[in-house]
N, C-alpha and C. Protein backbone atom coordinates (compact mmCIF):
# COMPACT_ATOMS: atom_id res chain seq x y z
N MET A 1 -18.37 -3.37 -11.75
CA MET A 1 -17.71 -3.47 -10.47
C MET A 1 -16.19 -3.57 -10.65
N ARG A 2 -15.78 -4.32 -11.68
CA ARG A 2 -14.36 -4.50 -11.95
C ARG A 2 -13.68 -3.16 -12.23
N ARG A 3 -14.34 -2.32 -13.03
CA ARG A 3 -13.75 -1.01 -13.35
C ARG A 3 -13.64 -0.12 -12.13
N LEU A 4 -14.62 -0.19 -11.24
CA LEU A 4 -14.59 0.60 -10.02
C LEU A 4 -13.42 0.16 -9.13
N LEU A 5 -13.26 -1.15 -8.96
CA LEU A 5 -12.16 -1.65 -8.13
C LEU A 5 -10.81 -1.27 -8.72
N ASP A 6 -10.67 -1.48 -10.03
CA ASP A 6 -9.40 -1.12 -10.67
C ASP A 6 -9.12 0.38 -10.57
N ALA A 7 -10.19 1.19 -10.64
CA ALA A 7 -10.02 2.64 -10.49
C ALA A 7 -9.57 2.99 -9.07
N LEU A 8 -10.09 2.28 -8.07
CA LEU A 8 -9.66 2.51 -6.69
C LEU A 8 -8.19 2.14 -6.49
N TYR A 9 -7.78 1.02 -7.08
CA TYR A 9 -6.37 0.62 -6.97
C TYR A 9 -5.47 1.64 -7.68
N ALA A 10 -5.93 2.12 -8.83
CA ALA A 10 -5.16 3.14 -9.57
C ALA A 10 -5.12 4.45 -8.79
N LEU A 11 -6.21 4.80 -8.12
CA LEU A 11 -6.24 6.00 -7.29
C LEU A 11 -5.21 5.89 -6.17
N GLY A 12 -5.15 4.73 -5.53
CA GLY A 12 -4.15 4.51 -4.49
C GLY A 12 -2.74 4.67 -5.03
N ALA A 13 -2.48 4.09 -6.21
CA ALA A 13 -1.16 4.22 -6.82
C ALA A 13 -0.87 5.67 -7.18
N GLY A 14 -1.87 6.38 -7.65
CA GLY A 14 -1.70 7.80 -7.97
C GLY A 14 -1.38 8.63 -6.73
N LEU A 15 -2.06 8.34 -5.62
CA LEU A 15 -1.78 9.04 -4.37
C LEU A 15 -0.36 8.71 -3.87
N ALA A 16 0.06 7.46 -4.07
CA ALA A 16 1.43 7.09 -3.71
C ALA A 16 2.43 7.87 -4.54
N ALA A 17 2.15 8.01 -5.83
CA ALA A 17 3.05 8.77 -6.71
C ALA A 17 3.09 10.23 -6.30
N LEU A 18 1.95 10.80 -5.95
CA LEU A 18 1.92 12.20 -5.50
C LEU A 18 2.68 12.37 -4.18
N SER A 19 2.56 11.39 -3.30
CA SER A 19 3.30 11.44 -2.04
C SER A 19 4.81 11.38 -2.30
N LEU A 20 5.21 10.53 -3.23
CA LEU A 20 6.62 10.43 -3.58
C LEU A 20 7.11 11.75 -4.20
N LEU A 21 6.28 12.34 -5.05
CA LEU A 21 6.62 13.64 -5.62
C LEU A 21 6.73 14.69 -4.51
N GLY A 22 5.85 14.61 -3.53
CA GLY A 22 5.91 15.52 -2.40
C GLY A 22 7.22 15.41 -1.64
N ILE A 23 7.70 14.18 -1.44
CA ILE A 23 8.99 13.98 -0.78
C ILE A 23 10.09 14.66 -1.58
N PHE A 24 10.08 14.46 -2.88
CA PHE A 24 11.07 15.07 -3.76
C PHE A 24 11.03 16.60 -3.64
N LEU A 25 9.83 17.16 -3.69
CA LEU A 25 9.70 18.63 -3.63
C LEU A 25 10.17 19.18 -2.29
N VAL A 26 9.84 18.50 -1.20
CA VAL A 26 10.29 18.95 0.12
C VAL A 26 11.81 18.89 0.20
N MET A 27 12.39 17.80 -0.30
CA MET A 27 13.85 17.67 -0.24
C MET A 27 14.55 18.71 -1.12
N MET A 28 14.01 18.97 -2.30
CA MET A 28 14.62 19.96 -3.17
C MET A 28 14.48 21.37 -2.57
N ALA A 29 13.32 21.66 -1.98
CA ALA A 29 13.15 22.96 -1.32
C ALA A 29 14.13 23.10 -0.17
N GLN A 30 14.33 22.02 0.54
CA GLN A 30 15.27 22.04 1.66
C GLN A 30 16.69 22.33 1.17
N VAL A 31 17.08 21.73 0.06
CA VAL A 31 18.42 21.97 -0.50
C VAL A 31 18.57 23.42 -0.94
N VAL A 32 17.57 23.93 -1.67
CA VAL A 32 17.64 25.30 -2.17
C VAL A 32 17.66 26.29 -1.01
N LEU A 33 16.77 26.09 -0.05
CA LEU A 33 16.71 27.02 1.08
C LEU A 33 17.96 26.95 1.95
N ARG A 34 18.56 25.79 2.05
CA ARG A 34 19.79 25.66 2.83
C ARG A 34 20.90 26.51 2.23
N GLU A 35 20.94 26.62 0.91
CA GLU A 35 21.93 27.46 0.25
C GLU A 35 21.71 28.94 0.57
N MET A 36 20.48 29.30 0.90
CA MET A 36 20.17 30.68 1.26
C MET A 36 20.18 30.89 2.77
N GLN A 37 20.72 29.89 3.49
CA GLN A 37 20.80 29.95 4.95
C GLN A 37 19.42 30.00 5.61
N ILE A 38 18.43 29.36 4.98
CA ILE A 38 17.07 29.31 5.53
C ILE A 38 16.73 27.85 5.78
N GLN A 39 16.11 27.61 6.92
CA GLN A 39 15.70 26.25 7.24
C GLN A 39 14.22 26.07 6.91
N LEU A 40 13.87 24.96 6.29
CA LEU A 40 12.48 24.65 5.99
C LEU A 40 11.88 23.96 7.21
N PRO A 41 10.96 24.63 7.90
CA PRO A 41 10.40 24.04 9.12
C PRO A 41 9.66 22.72 8.85
N ALA A 42 9.88 21.75 9.69
CA ALA A 42 9.19 20.45 9.66
C ALA A 42 9.46 19.63 8.40
N ALA A 43 10.52 19.92 7.68
CA ALA A 43 10.81 19.18 6.44
C ALA A 43 10.99 17.69 6.72
N ASP A 44 11.69 17.36 7.80
CA ASP A 44 11.90 15.95 8.12
C ASP A 44 10.59 15.27 8.49
N ASP A 45 9.76 15.96 9.26
CA ASP A 45 8.46 15.39 9.64
C ASP A 45 7.59 15.17 8.42
N ILE A 46 7.51 16.17 7.57
CA ILE A 46 6.67 16.07 6.38
C ILE A 46 7.16 14.95 5.46
N SER A 47 8.48 14.85 5.29
CA SER A 47 9.03 13.77 4.46
C SER A 47 8.68 12.40 5.05
N ALA A 48 8.75 12.29 6.36
CA ALA A 48 8.41 11.02 7.01
C ALA A 48 6.94 10.67 6.81
N TYR A 49 6.07 11.66 6.97
CA TYR A 49 4.63 11.41 6.77
C TYR A 49 4.35 11.00 5.32
N LEU A 50 5.01 11.68 4.38
CA LEU A 50 4.81 11.34 2.97
C LEU A 50 5.37 9.97 2.63
N CYS A 51 6.43 9.57 3.31
CA CYS A 51 7.00 8.23 3.10
C CYS A 51 6.00 7.16 3.52
N VAL A 52 5.37 7.35 4.66
CA VAL A 52 4.35 6.41 5.12
C VAL A 52 3.18 6.40 4.14
N ALA A 53 2.74 7.57 3.69
CA ALA A 53 1.64 7.64 2.73
C ALA A 53 2.00 6.93 1.43
N THR A 54 3.22 7.13 0.96
CA THR A 54 3.66 6.45 -0.27
C THR A 54 3.56 4.95 -0.11
N THR A 55 4.03 4.45 1.00
CA THR A 55 4.01 3.00 1.25
C THR A 55 2.60 2.46 1.31
N PHE A 56 1.74 3.06 2.13
CA PHE A 56 0.39 2.52 2.32
C PHE A 56 -0.48 2.68 1.08
N PHE A 57 -0.39 3.81 0.39
CA PHE A 57 -1.23 4.00 -0.79
C PHE A 57 -0.83 3.06 -1.94
N ALA A 58 0.42 2.64 -1.99
CA ALA A 58 0.88 1.78 -3.08
C ALA A 58 0.59 0.30 -2.85
N LEU A 59 0.20 -0.09 -1.65
CA LEU A 59 0.04 -1.51 -1.32
C LEU A 59 -0.92 -2.26 -2.23
N ALA A 60 -2.12 -1.74 -2.43
CA ALA A 60 -3.13 -2.47 -3.20
C ALA A 60 -2.71 -2.67 -4.66
N ALA A 61 -2.25 -1.60 -5.30
CA ALA A 61 -1.84 -1.72 -6.71
C ALA A 61 -0.65 -2.66 -6.84
N THR A 62 0.27 -2.57 -5.91
CA THR A 62 1.45 -3.45 -5.95
C THR A 62 1.04 -4.90 -5.78
N PHE A 63 0.11 -5.16 -4.87
CA PHE A 63 -0.40 -6.52 -4.65
C PHE A 63 -1.08 -7.05 -5.90
N LYS A 64 -1.96 -6.23 -6.49
CA LYS A 64 -2.71 -6.68 -7.66
C LYS A 64 -1.80 -6.98 -8.85
N ARG A 65 -0.68 -6.27 -8.94
CA ARG A 65 0.27 -6.49 -10.04
C ARG A 65 1.22 -7.65 -9.76
N GLY A 66 1.10 -8.26 -8.60
CA GLY A 66 1.97 -9.38 -8.25
C GLY A 66 3.39 -8.95 -7.95
N GLU A 67 3.55 -7.74 -7.46
CA GLU A 67 4.89 -7.22 -7.22
C GLU A 67 5.27 -7.16 -5.75
N LEU A 68 4.38 -7.60 -4.86
CA LEU A 68 4.76 -7.72 -3.45
C LEU A 68 5.58 -8.99 -3.29
N ILE A 69 6.39 -9.03 -2.26
CA ILE A 69 7.21 -10.21 -2.03
C ILE A 69 6.30 -11.39 -1.72
N ARG A 70 6.52 -12.49 -2.42
CA ARG A 70 5.70 -13.68 -2.27
C ARG A 70 6.60 -14.89 -2.37
N VAL A 71 6.49 -15.75 -1.39
CA VAL A 71 7.29 -16.97 -1.41
C VAL A 71 6.39 -18.08 -1.94
N GLY A 72 6.65 -18.51 -3.15
CA GLY A 72 5.79 -19.49 -3.79
C GLY A 72 6.43 -20.85 -3.94
N MET A 73 7.56 -21.07 -3.29
CA MET A 73 8.26 -22.35 -3.48
C MET A 73 7.40 -23.53 -3.06
N GLY A 74 6.63 -23.40 -2.00
CA GLY A 74 5.81 -24.51 -1.54
C GLY A 74 4.53 -24.64 -2.32
N ILE A 75 3.86 -23.54 -2.54
CA ILE A 75 2.55 -23.56 -3.19
C ILE A 75 2.65 -23.94 -4.68
N GLU A 76 3.77 -23.63 -5.31
CA GLU A 76 3.93 -23.93 -6.73
C GLU A 76 4.07 -25.43 -6.99
N ARG A 77 4.37 -26.20 -5.97
CA ARG A 77 4.52 -27.66 -6.13
C ARG A 77 3.22 -28.41 -5.91
N LEU A 78 2.18 -27.71 -5.52
CA LEU A 78 0.89 -28.34 -5.25
C LEU A 78 0.11 -28.53 -6.53
N GLY A 79 -0.80 -29.49 -6.50
CA GLY A 79 -1.70 -29.70 -7.62
C GLY A 79 -2.69 -28.55 -7.70
N PRO A 80 -3.40 -28.43 -8.83
CA PRO A 80 -4.30 -27.28 -9.04
C PRO A 80 -5.37 -27.14 -7.95
N ARG A 81 -5.97 -28.24 -7.55
CA ARG A 81 -7.05 -28.18 -6.56
C ARG A 81 -6.50 -27.81 -5.18
N THR A 82 -5.42 -28.47 -4.79
CA THR A 82 -4.81 -28.18 -3.49
C THR A 82 -4.24 -26.77 -3.47
N ARG A 83 -3.71 -26.36 -4.59
CA ARG A 83 -3.16 -25.00 -4.68
C ARG A 83 -4.26 -23.95 -4.49
N ARG A 84 -5.43 -24.18 -5.10
CA ARG A 84 -6.53 -23.24 -4.96
C ARG A 84 -6.97 -23.15 -3.49
N VAL A 85 -7.02 -24.27 -2.80
CA VAL A 85 -7.39 -24.28 -1.38
C VAL A 85 -6.34 -23.52 -0.57
N ALA A 86 -5.06 -23.77 -0.87
CA ALA A 86 -3.98 -23.08 -0.14
C ALA A 86 -4.02 -21.57 -0.42
N GLU A 87 -4.23 -21.19 -1.69
CA GLU A 87 -4.33 -19.76 -2.04
C GLU A 87 -5.49 -19.12 -1.29
N ALA A 88 -6.63 -19.80 -1.26
CA ALA A 88 -7.80 -19.24 -0.57
C ALA A 88 -7.52 -19.10 0.93
N ALA A 89 -6.87 -20.10 1.52
CA ALA A 89 -6.58 -20.04 2.96
C ALA A 89 -5.63 -18.89 3.28
N VAL A 90 -4.60 -18.73 2.46
CA VAL A 90 -3.63 -17.65 2.68
C VAL A 90 -4.30 -16.29 2.46
N LEU A 91 -5.12 -16.17 1.44
CA LEU A 91 -5.82 -14.90 1.20
C LEU A 91 -6.80 -14.59 2.34
N LEU A 92 -7.45 -15.60 2.86
CA LEU A 92 -8.35 -15.39 3.98
C LEU A 92 -7.58 -14.92 5.21
N LEU A 93 -6.45 -15.55 5.48
CA LEU A 93 -5.61 -15.13 6.60
C LEU A 93 -5.11 -13.69 6.39
N ALA A 94 -4.69 -13.37 5.18
CA ALA A 94 -4.23 -12.01 4.87
C ALA A 94 -5.36 -11.01 5.05
N ALA A 95 -6.58 -11.38 4.67
CA ALA A 95 -7.73 -10.49 4.83
C ALA A 95 -8.01 -10.23 6.31
N VAL A 96 -7.92 -11.26 7.12
CA VAL A 96 -8.14 -11.09 8.56
C VAL A 96 -7.09 -10.16 9.15
N ILE A 97 -5.84 -10.37 8.78
CA ILE A 97 -4.76 -9.52 9.28
C ILE A 97 -4.95 -8.08 8.84
N MET A 98 -5.27 -7.88 7.56
CA MET A 98 -5.44 -6.50 7.06
C MET A 98 -6.70 -5.84 7.62
N ALA A 99 -7.73 -6.61 7.92
CA ALA A 99 -8.92 -6.04 8.57
C ALA A 99 -8.53 -5.53 9.96
N TYR A 100 -7.71 -6.30 10.65
CA TYR A 100 -7.22 -5.89 11.97
C TYR A 100 -6.38 -4.61 11.86
N VAL A 101 -5.45 -4.58 10.92
CA VAL A 101 -4.60 -3.40 10.72
C VAL A 101 -5.45 -2.18 10.34
N THR A 102 -6.39 -2.37 9.44
CA THR A 102 -7.26 -1.27 9.01
C THR A 102 -8.07 -0.73 10.18
N ARG A 103 -8.64 -1.62 10.96
CA ARG A 103 -9.47 -1.20 12.09
C ARG A 103 -8.65 -0.41 13.11
N TRP A 104 -7.47 -0.90 13.45
CA TRP A 104 -6.69 -0.23 14.49
C TRP A 104 -6.02 1.04 14.00
N THR A 105 -5.62 1.09 12.75
CA THR A 105 -5.06 2.35 12.25
C THR A 105 -6.16 3.40 12.13
N PHE A 106 -7.37 2.97 11.77
CA PHE A 106 -8.50 3.91 11.73
C PHE A 106 -8.81 4.42 13.14
N ALA A 107 -8.83 3.51 14.12
CA ALA A 107 -9.11 3.91 15.51
C ALA A 107 -8.05 4.90 16.00
N ASP A 108 -6.79 4.67 15.65
CA ASP A 108 -5.72 5.57 16.06
C ASP A 108 -5.86 6.94 15.40
N THR A 109 -6.23 6.94 14.13
CA THR A 109 -6.44 8.20 13.41
C THR A 109 -7.61 8.97 14.02
N LEU A 110 -8.69 8.27 14.29
CA LEU A 110 -9.86 8.90 14.89
C LEU A 110 -9.53 9.46 16.28
N PHE A 111 -8.77 8.71 17.06
CA PHE A 111 -8.37 9.17 18.39
C PHE A 111 -7.52 10.43 18.29
N SER A 112 -6.60 10.47 17.33
CA SER A 112 -5.77 11.67 17.13
C SER A 112 -6.63 12.87 16.77
N TRP A 113 -7.66 12.65 15.98
CA TRP A 113 -8.57 13.73 15.61
C TRP A 113 -9.38 14.19 16.82
N GLU A 114 -9.89 13.22 17.61
CA GLU A 114 -10.71 13.56 18.78
C GLU A 114 -9.94 14.36 19.83
N ILE A 115 -8.68 14.01 20.07
CA ILE A 115 -7.93 14.71 21.11
C ILE A 115 -7.12 15.88 20.54
N GLU A 116 -7.30 16.11 19.23
CA GLU A 116 -6.60 17.20 18.55
C GLU A 116 -5.08 17.11 18.73
N GLU A 117 -4.57 15.88 18.52
CA GLU A 117 -3.14 15.62 18.65
C GLU A 117 -2.38 16.33 17.53
N VAL A 118 -1.27 16.97 17.90
CA VAL A 118 -0.44 17.66 16.91
C VAL A 118 1.00 17.17 17.03
N ALA A 119 1.74 17.35 15.95
CA ALA A 119 3.15 16.95 15.92
C ALA A 119 3.94 17.81 16.91
N GLN A 120 4.97 17.22 17.47
CA GLN A 120 5.78 17.91 18.47
C GLN A 120 6.93 18.70 17.85
N GLY A 121 7.02 18.71 16.53
CA GLY A 121 8.11 19.41 15.85
C GLY A 121 7.91 20.91 15.80
N THR A 122 8.59 21.54 14.88
CA THR A 122 8.54 23.00 14.77
C THR A 122 7.21 23.51 14.21
N VAL A 123 6.49 22.66 13.49
CA VAL A 123 5.17 23.01 12.96
C VAL A 123 4.15 22.05 13.59
N ALA A 124 3.13 22.61 14.19
CA ALA A 124 2.10 21.80 14.88
C ALA A 124 1.11 21.24 13.87
N ILE A 125 1.50 20.18 13.18
CA ILE A 125 0.65 19.55 12.17
C ILE A 125 -0.34 18.64 12.90
N PRO A 126 -1.64 18.78 12.63
CA PRO A 126 -2.61 17.85 13.22
C PRO A 126 -2.30 16.43 12.74
N LEU A 127 -2.03 15.51 13.65
CA LEU A 127 -1.53 14.19 13.27
C LEU A 127 -2.56 13.29 12.61
N TRP A 128 -3.83 13.61 12.73
CA TRP A 128 -4.81 12.77 12.06
C TRP A 128 -4.67 12.86 10.54
N ILE A 129 -4.14 13.98 10.06
CA ILE A 129 -4.00 14.15 8.60
C ILE A 129 -2.98 13.17 8.03
N PRO A 130 -1.73 13.13 8.50
CA PRO A 130 -0.82 12.14 7.94
C PRO A 130 -1.18 10.71 8.33
N LYS A 131 -1.82 10.53 9.48
CA LYS A 131 -2.20 9.17 9.90
C LYS A 131 -3.30 8.59 9.02
N LEU A 132 -4.08 9.43 8.38
CA LEU A 132 -5.20 8.97 7.56
C LEU A 132 -4.75 8.07 6.41
N ALA A 133 -3.52 8.24 5.95
CA ALA A 133 -3.01 7.39 4.86
C ALA A 133 -2.95 5.92 5.26
N MET A 134 -2.73 5.66 6.53
CA MET A 134 -2.60 4.25 6.96
C MET A 134 -3.91 3.47 6.85
N PRO A 135 -5.03 3.93 7.45
CA PRO A 135 -6.25 3.14 7.28
C PRO A 135 -6.77 3.14 5.84
N LEU A 136 -6.56 4.24 5.12
CA LEU A 136 -7.01 4.26 3.72
C LEU A 136 -6.23 3.26 2.88
N GLY A 137 -4.91 3.27 3.00
CA GLY A 137 -4.08 2.34 2.25
C GLY A 137 -4.30 0.89 2.67
N ALA A 138 -4.40 0.67 3.98
CA ALA A 138 -4.65 -0.69 4.47
C ALA A 138 -6.02 -1.17 4.03
N GLY A 139 -7.01 -0.28 4.03
CA GLY A 139 -8.34 -0.64 3.56
C GLY A 139 -8.36 -0.99 2.08
N LEU A 140 -7.58 -0.25 1.30
CA LEU A 140 -7.47 -0.59 -0.14
C LEU A 140 -6.83 -1.96 -0.33
N LEU A 141 -5.79 -2.24 0.45
CA LEU A 141 -5.16 -3.56 0.36
C LEU A 141 -6.14 -4.64 0.79
N LEU A 142 -6.90 -4.41 1.85
CA LEU A 142 -7.92 -5.38 2.28
C LEU A 142 -8.91 -5.64 1.15
N LEU A 143 -9.35 -4.59 0.50
CA LEU A 143 -10.27 -4.73 -0.63
C LEU A 143 -9.64 -5.55 -1.76
N ALA A 144 -8.38 -5.29 -2.06
CA ALA A 144 -7.68 -6.04 -3.11
C ALA A 144 -7.54 -7.51 -2.74
N ILE A 145 -7.26 -7.79 -1.48
CA ILE A 145 -7.14 -9.18 -1.03
C ILE A 145 -8.48 -9.89 -1.14
N LEU A 146 -9.56 -9.23 -0.72
CA LEU A 146 -10.90 -9.83 -0.84
C LEU A 146 -11.26 -10.03 -2.31
N ASP A 147 -10.87 -9.11 -3.16
CA ASP A 147 -11.09 -9.21 -4.61
C ASP A 147 -10.41 -10.49 -5.14
N GLU A 148 -9.18 -10.70 -4.73
CA GLU A 148 -8.45 -11.90 -5.17
C GLU A 148 -9.04 -13.17 -4.56
N LEU A 149 -9.49 -13.09 -3.33
CA LEU A 149 -10.11 -14.25 -2.69
C LEU A 149 -11.36 -14.69 -3.46
N VAL A 150 -12.16 -13.73 -3.88
CA VAL A 150 -13.34 -14.06 -4.68
C VAL A 150 -12.94 -14.73 -5.98
N ARG A 151 -11.89 -14.22 -6.62
CA ARG A 151 -11.39 -14.83 -7.87
C ARG A 151 -10.99 -16.28 -7.64
N VAL A 152 -10.26 -16.52 -6.57
CA VAL A 152 -9.78 -17.88 -6.28
C VAL A 152 -10.96 -18.80 -5.95
N LEU A 153 -11.92 -18.31 -5.17
CA LEU A 153 -13.08 -19.13 -4.82
C LEU A 153 -13.94 -19.45 -6.04
N ARG A 154 -13.87 -18.60 -7.06
CA ARG A 154 -14.60 -18.86 -8.31
C ARG A 154 -13.81 -19.77 -9.26
N GLY A 155 -12.62 -20.21 -8.81
CA GLY A 155 -11.82 -21.13 -9.61
C GLY A 155 -10.92 -20.46 -10.62
N ARG A 156 -10.77 -19.15 -10.53
CA ARG A 156 -9.92 -18.42 -11.47
C ARG A 156 -8.52 -18.27 -10.92
N THR A 157 -7.57 -18.01 -11.79
CA THR A 157 -6.19 -17.76 -11.38
C THR A 157 -6.11 -16.40 -10.72
N PRO A 158 -5.44 -16.31 -9.56
CA PRO A 158 -5.30 -15.00 -8.92
C PRO A 158 -4.62 -14.00 -9.87
N GLY A 159 -5.05 -12.75 -9.79
CA GLY A 159 -4.49 -11.72 -10.66
C GLY A 159 -3.00 -11.53 -10.47
N TYR A 160 -2.52 -11.66 -9.23
CA TYR A 160 -1.09 -11.49 -8.98
C TYR A 160 -0.28 -12.62 -9.59
N VAL A 161 -0.85 -13.82 -9.68
CA VAL A 161 -0.16 -14.93 -10.33
C VAL A 161 -0.15 -14.72 -11.84
N ALA A 162 -1.30 -14.31 -12.39
CA ALA A 162 -1.39 -14.06 -13.83
C ALA A 162 -0.43 -12.95 -14.25
N ALA A 163 -0.33 -11.89 -13.43
CA ALA A 163 0.57 -10.79 -13.75
C ALA A 163 2.02 -11.24 -13.74
N ALA A 164 2.39 -12.07 -12.75
CA ALA A 164 3.76 -12.58 -12.69
C ALA A 164 4.05 -13.49 -13.87
N GLU A 165 3.07 -14.30 -14.28
CA GLU A 165 3.25 -15.18 -15.44
C GLU A 165 3.40 -14.37 -16.72
N GLN A 166 2.65 -13.28 -16.86
CA GLN A 166 2.77 -12.42 -18.04
C GLN A 166 4.14 -11.77 -18.12
N ARG A 167 4.64 -11.32 -16.96
CA ARG A 167 5.99 -10.73 -16.95
C ARG A 167 7.03 -11.77 -17.34
N ALA A 168 6.90 -12.97 -16.81
CA ALA A 168 7.85 -14.03 -17.14
C ALA A 168 7.79 -14.39 -18.62
N ALA A 169 6.58 -14.46 -19.17
CA ALA A 169 6.42 -14.78 -20.59
C ALA A 169 7.04 -13.71 -21.49
N ALA A 170 7.05 -12.47 -20.99
CA ALA A 170 7.64 -11.36 -21.74
C ALA A 170 9.14 -11.26 -21.51
N GLY A 171 9.69 -12.14 -20.68
CA GLY A 171 11.12 -12.11 -20.41
C GLY A 171 11.53 -11.15 -19.33
N ASP A 172 10.55 -10.62 -18.58
CA ASP A 172 10.82 -9.68 -17.50
C ASP A 172 10.89 -10.45 -16.18
N PHE A 173 12.09 -10.64 -15.68
CA PHE A 173 12.28 -11.34 -14.42
C PHE A 173 12.75 -10.39 -13.33
N SER A 174 12.51 -9.08 -13.50
CA SER A 174 12.97 -8.09 -12.55
C SER A 174 12.33 -8.27 -11.17
N ALA A 175 11.09 -8.73 -11.12
CA ALA A 175 10.44 -8.92 -9.82
C ALA A 175 10.94 -10.18 -9.13
N GLU A 176 11.61 -11.04 -9.84
CA GLU A 176 12.07 -12.31 -9.28
C GLU A 176 13.45 -12.18 -8.63
N VAL A 177 14.08 -11.02 -8.77
CA VAL A 177 15.43 -10.86 -8.25
C VAL A 177 15.41 -10.70 -6.76
């Protein structure tokens, strides 16, 4: 099960990387075509859609690596038992919030598909396609949060805390800036 979950998080990160590469390719094509006095239709729209996809697909992997913004000033002063309860409570709250986000972004994507909604720009892109990144990415983050909640409930150190501790032990404080 662990390998499957890690593969899903890696898949999300890979899709985020491909989306970022897509932004680069669209922008470079736009630069080259502009020199030839040609406009790339919907370049701004496509870049915006890929930006959203990059963000949502990267959420789970970033969370698991402990690289999302986390304010630990209060929780780090708690004893081990109280800290585990606080971590579990926060993870449960985060899971509820992400379940809500996942449900509503999925409903919005499904609605766009049902009514055949298209972009209003120069290219009529069916909007359910770029919108699909939101429920998929949010769902992956929800899965990662539930994964960490199970770890905490079993009395283990959350993966994001362990990852941050490993970086600190290696002298890497780049995430702390």
